[in-house]
């Protein structure tokens, strides 16, 4: 994984590194890699790395695309509990999740 190569080179990943990785894997539809990056992010989060609004919104969007609606709510609640105020992009993503969920219920 790219993160391992960064560490081997003595480079320290930051929030932007993880956010970019998650976003690019999400855009490519590579949700296994999104999950790997998210697991690595959680480890770094415990060691003091700050997760920002953009990171949470991208993760919420990734779980929406996978129809993992419970995880969407877990992430949204974590974001709010960590003191990060949702913005228009966060709420738009959340609304899209619920609309998609309703469409799936009708099928």
C-alpha atoms as a PDB file:
ATOM      1  CA  UNK A   1       0.000   0.000   0.000  1.00  0.00           C
ATOM      2  CA  UNK A   2       1.117   3.548  -0.673  1.00  0.00           C
ATOM      3  CA  UNK A   3       1.103   4.403   3.033  1.00  0.00           C
ATOM      4  CA  UNK A   4       3.683   1.701   3.701  1.00  0.00           C
ATOM      5  CA  UNK A   5       5.926   3.098   0.983  1.00  0.00           C
ATOM      6  CA  UNK A   6       5.612   6.601   2.436  1.00  0.00           C
ATOM      7  CA  UNK A   7       6.666   5.334   5.851  1.00  0.00           C
ATOM      8  CA  UNK A   8       9.588   3.394   4.341  1.00  0.00           C
ATOM      9  CA  UNK A   9      10.812   6.664   2.839  1.00  0.00           C
ATOM     10  CA  UNK A  10      10.602   8.354   6.242  1.00  0.00           C
ATOM     11  CA  UNK A  11       7.581  10.455   5.277  1.00  0.00           C
ATOM     12  CA  UNK A  12       4.776  10.927   7.768  1.00  0.00           C
ATOM     13  CA  UNK A  13       1.233  10.816   6.354  1.00  0.00           C
ATOM     14  CA  UNK A  14      -1.135  13.526   7.563  1.00  0.00           C
ATOM     15  CA  UNK A  15      -4.878  14.136   7.378  1.00  0.00           C
ATOM     16  CA  UNK A  16      -4.617  15.362   3.783  1.00  0.00           C
ATOM     17  CA  UNK A  17      -2.709  12.218   2.785  1.00  0.00           C
ATOM     18  CA  UNK A  18      -5.426   9.932   4.149  1.00  0.00           C
ATOM     19  CA  UNK A  19      -8.244  12.084   2.822  1.00  0.00           C
ATOM     20  CA  UNK A  20      -6.740  12.081  -0.670  1.00  0.00           C
ATOM     21  CA  UNK A  21      -6.223   8.300  -0.603  1.00  0.00           C
ATOM     22  CA  UNK A  22      -9.765   7.616   0.573  1.00  0.00           C
ATOM     23  CA  UNK A  23     -11.220  10.050  -1.973  1.00  0.00           C
ATOM     24  CA  UNK A  24      -9.273   8.622  -4.923  1.00  0.00           C
ATOM     25  CA  UNK A  25     -10.083   5.015  -3.993  1.00  0.00           C
ATOM     26  CA  UNK A  26     -13.736   5.998  -3.619  1.00  0.00           C
ATOM     27  CA  UNK A  27     -13.798   7.690  -7.030  1.00  0.00           C
ATOM     28  CA  UNK A  28     -12.208   4.576  -8.550  1.00  0.00           C
ATOM     29  CA  UNK A  29     -14.815   2.350  -6.903  1.00  0.00           C
ATOM     30  CA  UNK A  30     -12.113   0.496  -4.976  1.00  0.00           C
ATOM     31  CA  UNK A  31     -13.990   0.181  -1.696  1.00  0.00           C
ATOM     32  CA  UNK A  32     -11.682  -2.491  -0.298  1.00  0.00           C
ATOM     33  CA  UNK A  33      -8.862   0.075  -0.436  1.00  0.00           C
ATOM     34  CA  UNK A  34     -11.187   2.683   1.128  1.00  0.00           C
ATOM     35  CA  UNK A  35     -11.701   0.324   4.056  1.00  0.00           C
ATOM     36  CA  UNK A  36      -7.949  -0.300   4.360  1.00  0.00           C
ATOM     37  CA  UNK A  37      -7.225   3.434   4.371  1.00  0.00           C
ATOM     38  CA  UNK A  38      -9.997   4.001   6.915  1.00  0.00           C
ATOM     39  CA  UNK A  39      -8.520   1.343   9.230  1.00  0.00           C
ATOM     40  CA  UNK A  40      -5.104   2.987   8.948  1.00  0.00           C
ATOM     41  CA  UNK A  41      -6.715   6.362   9.572  1.00  0.00           C
ATOM     42  CA  UNK A  42      -8.335   5.091  12.787  1.00  0.00           C
ATOM     43  CA  UNK A  43      -4.947   3.906  14.053  1.00  0.00           C
ATOM     44  CA  UNK A  44      -3.356   7.260  13.296  1.00  0.00           C
ATOM     45  CA  UNK A  45      -6.367   9.068  14.786  1.00  0.00           C
ATOM     46  CA  UNK A  46      -5.683   7.313  18.103  1.00  0.00           C
ATOM     47  CA  UNK A  47      -2.106   8.572  17.927  1.00  0.00           C
ATOM     48  CA  UNK A  48      -3.185  12.201  17.587  1.00  0.00           C
ATOM     49  CA  UNK A  49      -3.937  12.729  13.887  1.00  0.00           C
ATOM     50  CA  UNK A  50      -6.937  15.007  13.470  1.00  0.00           C
ATOM     51  CA  UNK A  51      -9.727  13.942  11.148  1.00  0.00           C
ATOM     52  CA  UNK A  52     -11.421  16.902   9.494  1.00  0.00           C
ATOM     53  CA  UNK A  53     -14.829  17.628   8.000  1.00  0.00           C
ATOM     54  CA  UNK A  54     -13.665  16.807   4.480  1.00  0.00           C
ATOM     55  CA  UNK A  55     -12.383  13.389   5.556  1.00  0.00           C
ATOM     56  CA  UNK A  56     -15.630  12.542   7.339  1.00  0.00           C
ATOM     57  CA  UNK A  57     -17.744  13.701   4.386  1.00  0.00           C
ATOM     58  CA  UNK A  58     -15.715  11.587   1.940  1.00  0.00           C
ATOM     59  CA  UNK A  59     -16.003   8.539   4.215  1.00  0.00           C
ATOM     60  CA  UNK A  60     -19.753   9.108   4.573  1.00  0.00           C
ATOM     61  CA  UNK A  61     -20.053   9.327   0.791  1.00  0.00           C
ATOM     62  CA  UNK A  62     -18.023   6.123   0.339  1.00  0.00           C
ATOM     63  CA  UNK A  63     -20.301   4.216   2.718  1.00  0.00           C
ATOM     64  CA  UNK A  64     -23.332   5.682   0.964  1.00  0.00           C
ATOM     65  CA  UNK A  65     -22.095   4.291  -2.353  1.00  0.00           C
ATOM     66  CA  UNK A  66     -21.786   0.880  -0.688  1.00  0.00           C
ATOM     67  CA  UNK A  67     -25.320   1.218   0.776  1.00  0.00           C
ATOM     68  CA  UNK A  68     -23.881   0.942   4.295  1.00  0.00           C
ATOM     69  CA  UNK A  69     -26.416   3.304   5.817  1.00  0.00           C
ATOM     70  CA  UNK A  70     -25.810   2.371   9.460  1.00  0.00           C
ATOM     71  CA  UNK A  71     -22.108   3.162   9.064  1.00  0.00           C
ATOM     72  CA  UNK A  72     -23.058   6.511   7.517  1.00  0.00           C
ATOM     73  CA  UNK A  73     -24.920   7.440  10.696  1.00  0.00           C
ATOM     74  CA  UNK A  74     -22.079   6.158  12.889  1.00  0.00           C
ATOM     75  CA  UNK A  75     -19.583   8.353  11.033  1.00  0.00           C
ATOM     76  CA  UNK A  76     -21.877  11.389  11.044  1.00  0.00           C
ATOM     77  CA  UNK A  77     -22.416  11.049  14.793  1.00  0.00           C
ATOM     78  CA  UNK A  78     -18.655  10.626  15.373  1.00  0.00           C
ATOM     79  CA  UNK A  79     -18.039  13.781  13.391  1.00  0.00           C
ATOM     80  CA  UNK A  80     -20.507  15.783  15.482  1.00  0.00           C
ATOM     81  CA  UNK A  81     -19.291  14.280  18.786  1.00  0.00           C
ATOM     82  CA  UNK A  82     -15.711  15.168  17.906  1.00  0.00           C
ATOM     83  CA  UNK A  83     -16.743  18.810  17.698  1.00  0.00           C
ATOM     84  CA  UNK A  84     -16.752  19.123  13.920  1.00  0.00           C
ATOM     85  CA  UNK A  85     -19.717  21.162  12.742  1.00  0.00           C
ATOM     86  CA  UNK A  86     -21.337  19.663   9.618  1.00  0.00           C
ATOM     87  CA  UNK A  87     -21.551  22.008   6.638  1.00  0.00           C
ATOM     88  CA  UNK A  88     -23.687  22.101   3.508  1.00  0.00           C
ATOM     89  CA  UNK A  89     -21.606  19.334   1.888  1.00  0.00           C
ATOM     90  CA  UNK A  90     -21.995  17.081   4.935  1.00  0.00           C
ATOM     91  CA  UNK A  91     -25.754  17.585   5.046  1.00  0.00           C
ATOM     92  CA  UNK A  92     -26.136  17.188   1.275  1.00  0.00           C
ATOM     93  CA  UNK A  93     -24.286  13.874   1.462  1.00  0.00           C
ATOM     94  CA  UNK A  94     -26.437  12.749   4.389  1.00  0.00           C
ATOM     95  CA  UNK A  95     -29.655  13.679   2.564  1.00  0.00           C
ATOM     96  CA  UNK A  96     -28.461  11.743  -0.497  1.00  0.00           C
ATOM     97  CA  UNK A  97     -27.896   8.711   1.734  1.00  0.00           C
ATOM     98  CA  UNK A  98     -31.444   8.768   3.041  1.00  0.00           C
ATOM     99  CA  UNK A  99     -32.925   9.372  -0.414  1.00  0.00           C
ATOM    100  CA  UNK A 100     -30.969   6.423  -1.767  1.00  0.00           C
ATOM    101  CA  UNK A 101     -32.126   4.299   1.156  1.00  0.00           C
ATOM    102  CA  UNK A 102     -35.757   5.162   0.456  1.00  0.00           C
ATOM    103  CA  UNK A 103     -35.326   4.253  -3.226  1.00  0.00           C
ATOM    104  CA  UNK A 104     -33.896   0.875  -2.222  1.00  0.00           C
ATOM    105  CA  UNK A 105     -36.845   0.256   0.121  1.00  0.00           C
ATOM    106  CA  UNK A 106     -39.294   0.775  -2.761  1.00  0.00           C
ATOM    107  CA  UNK A 107     -37.643  -1.835  -5.009  1.00  0.00           C
END
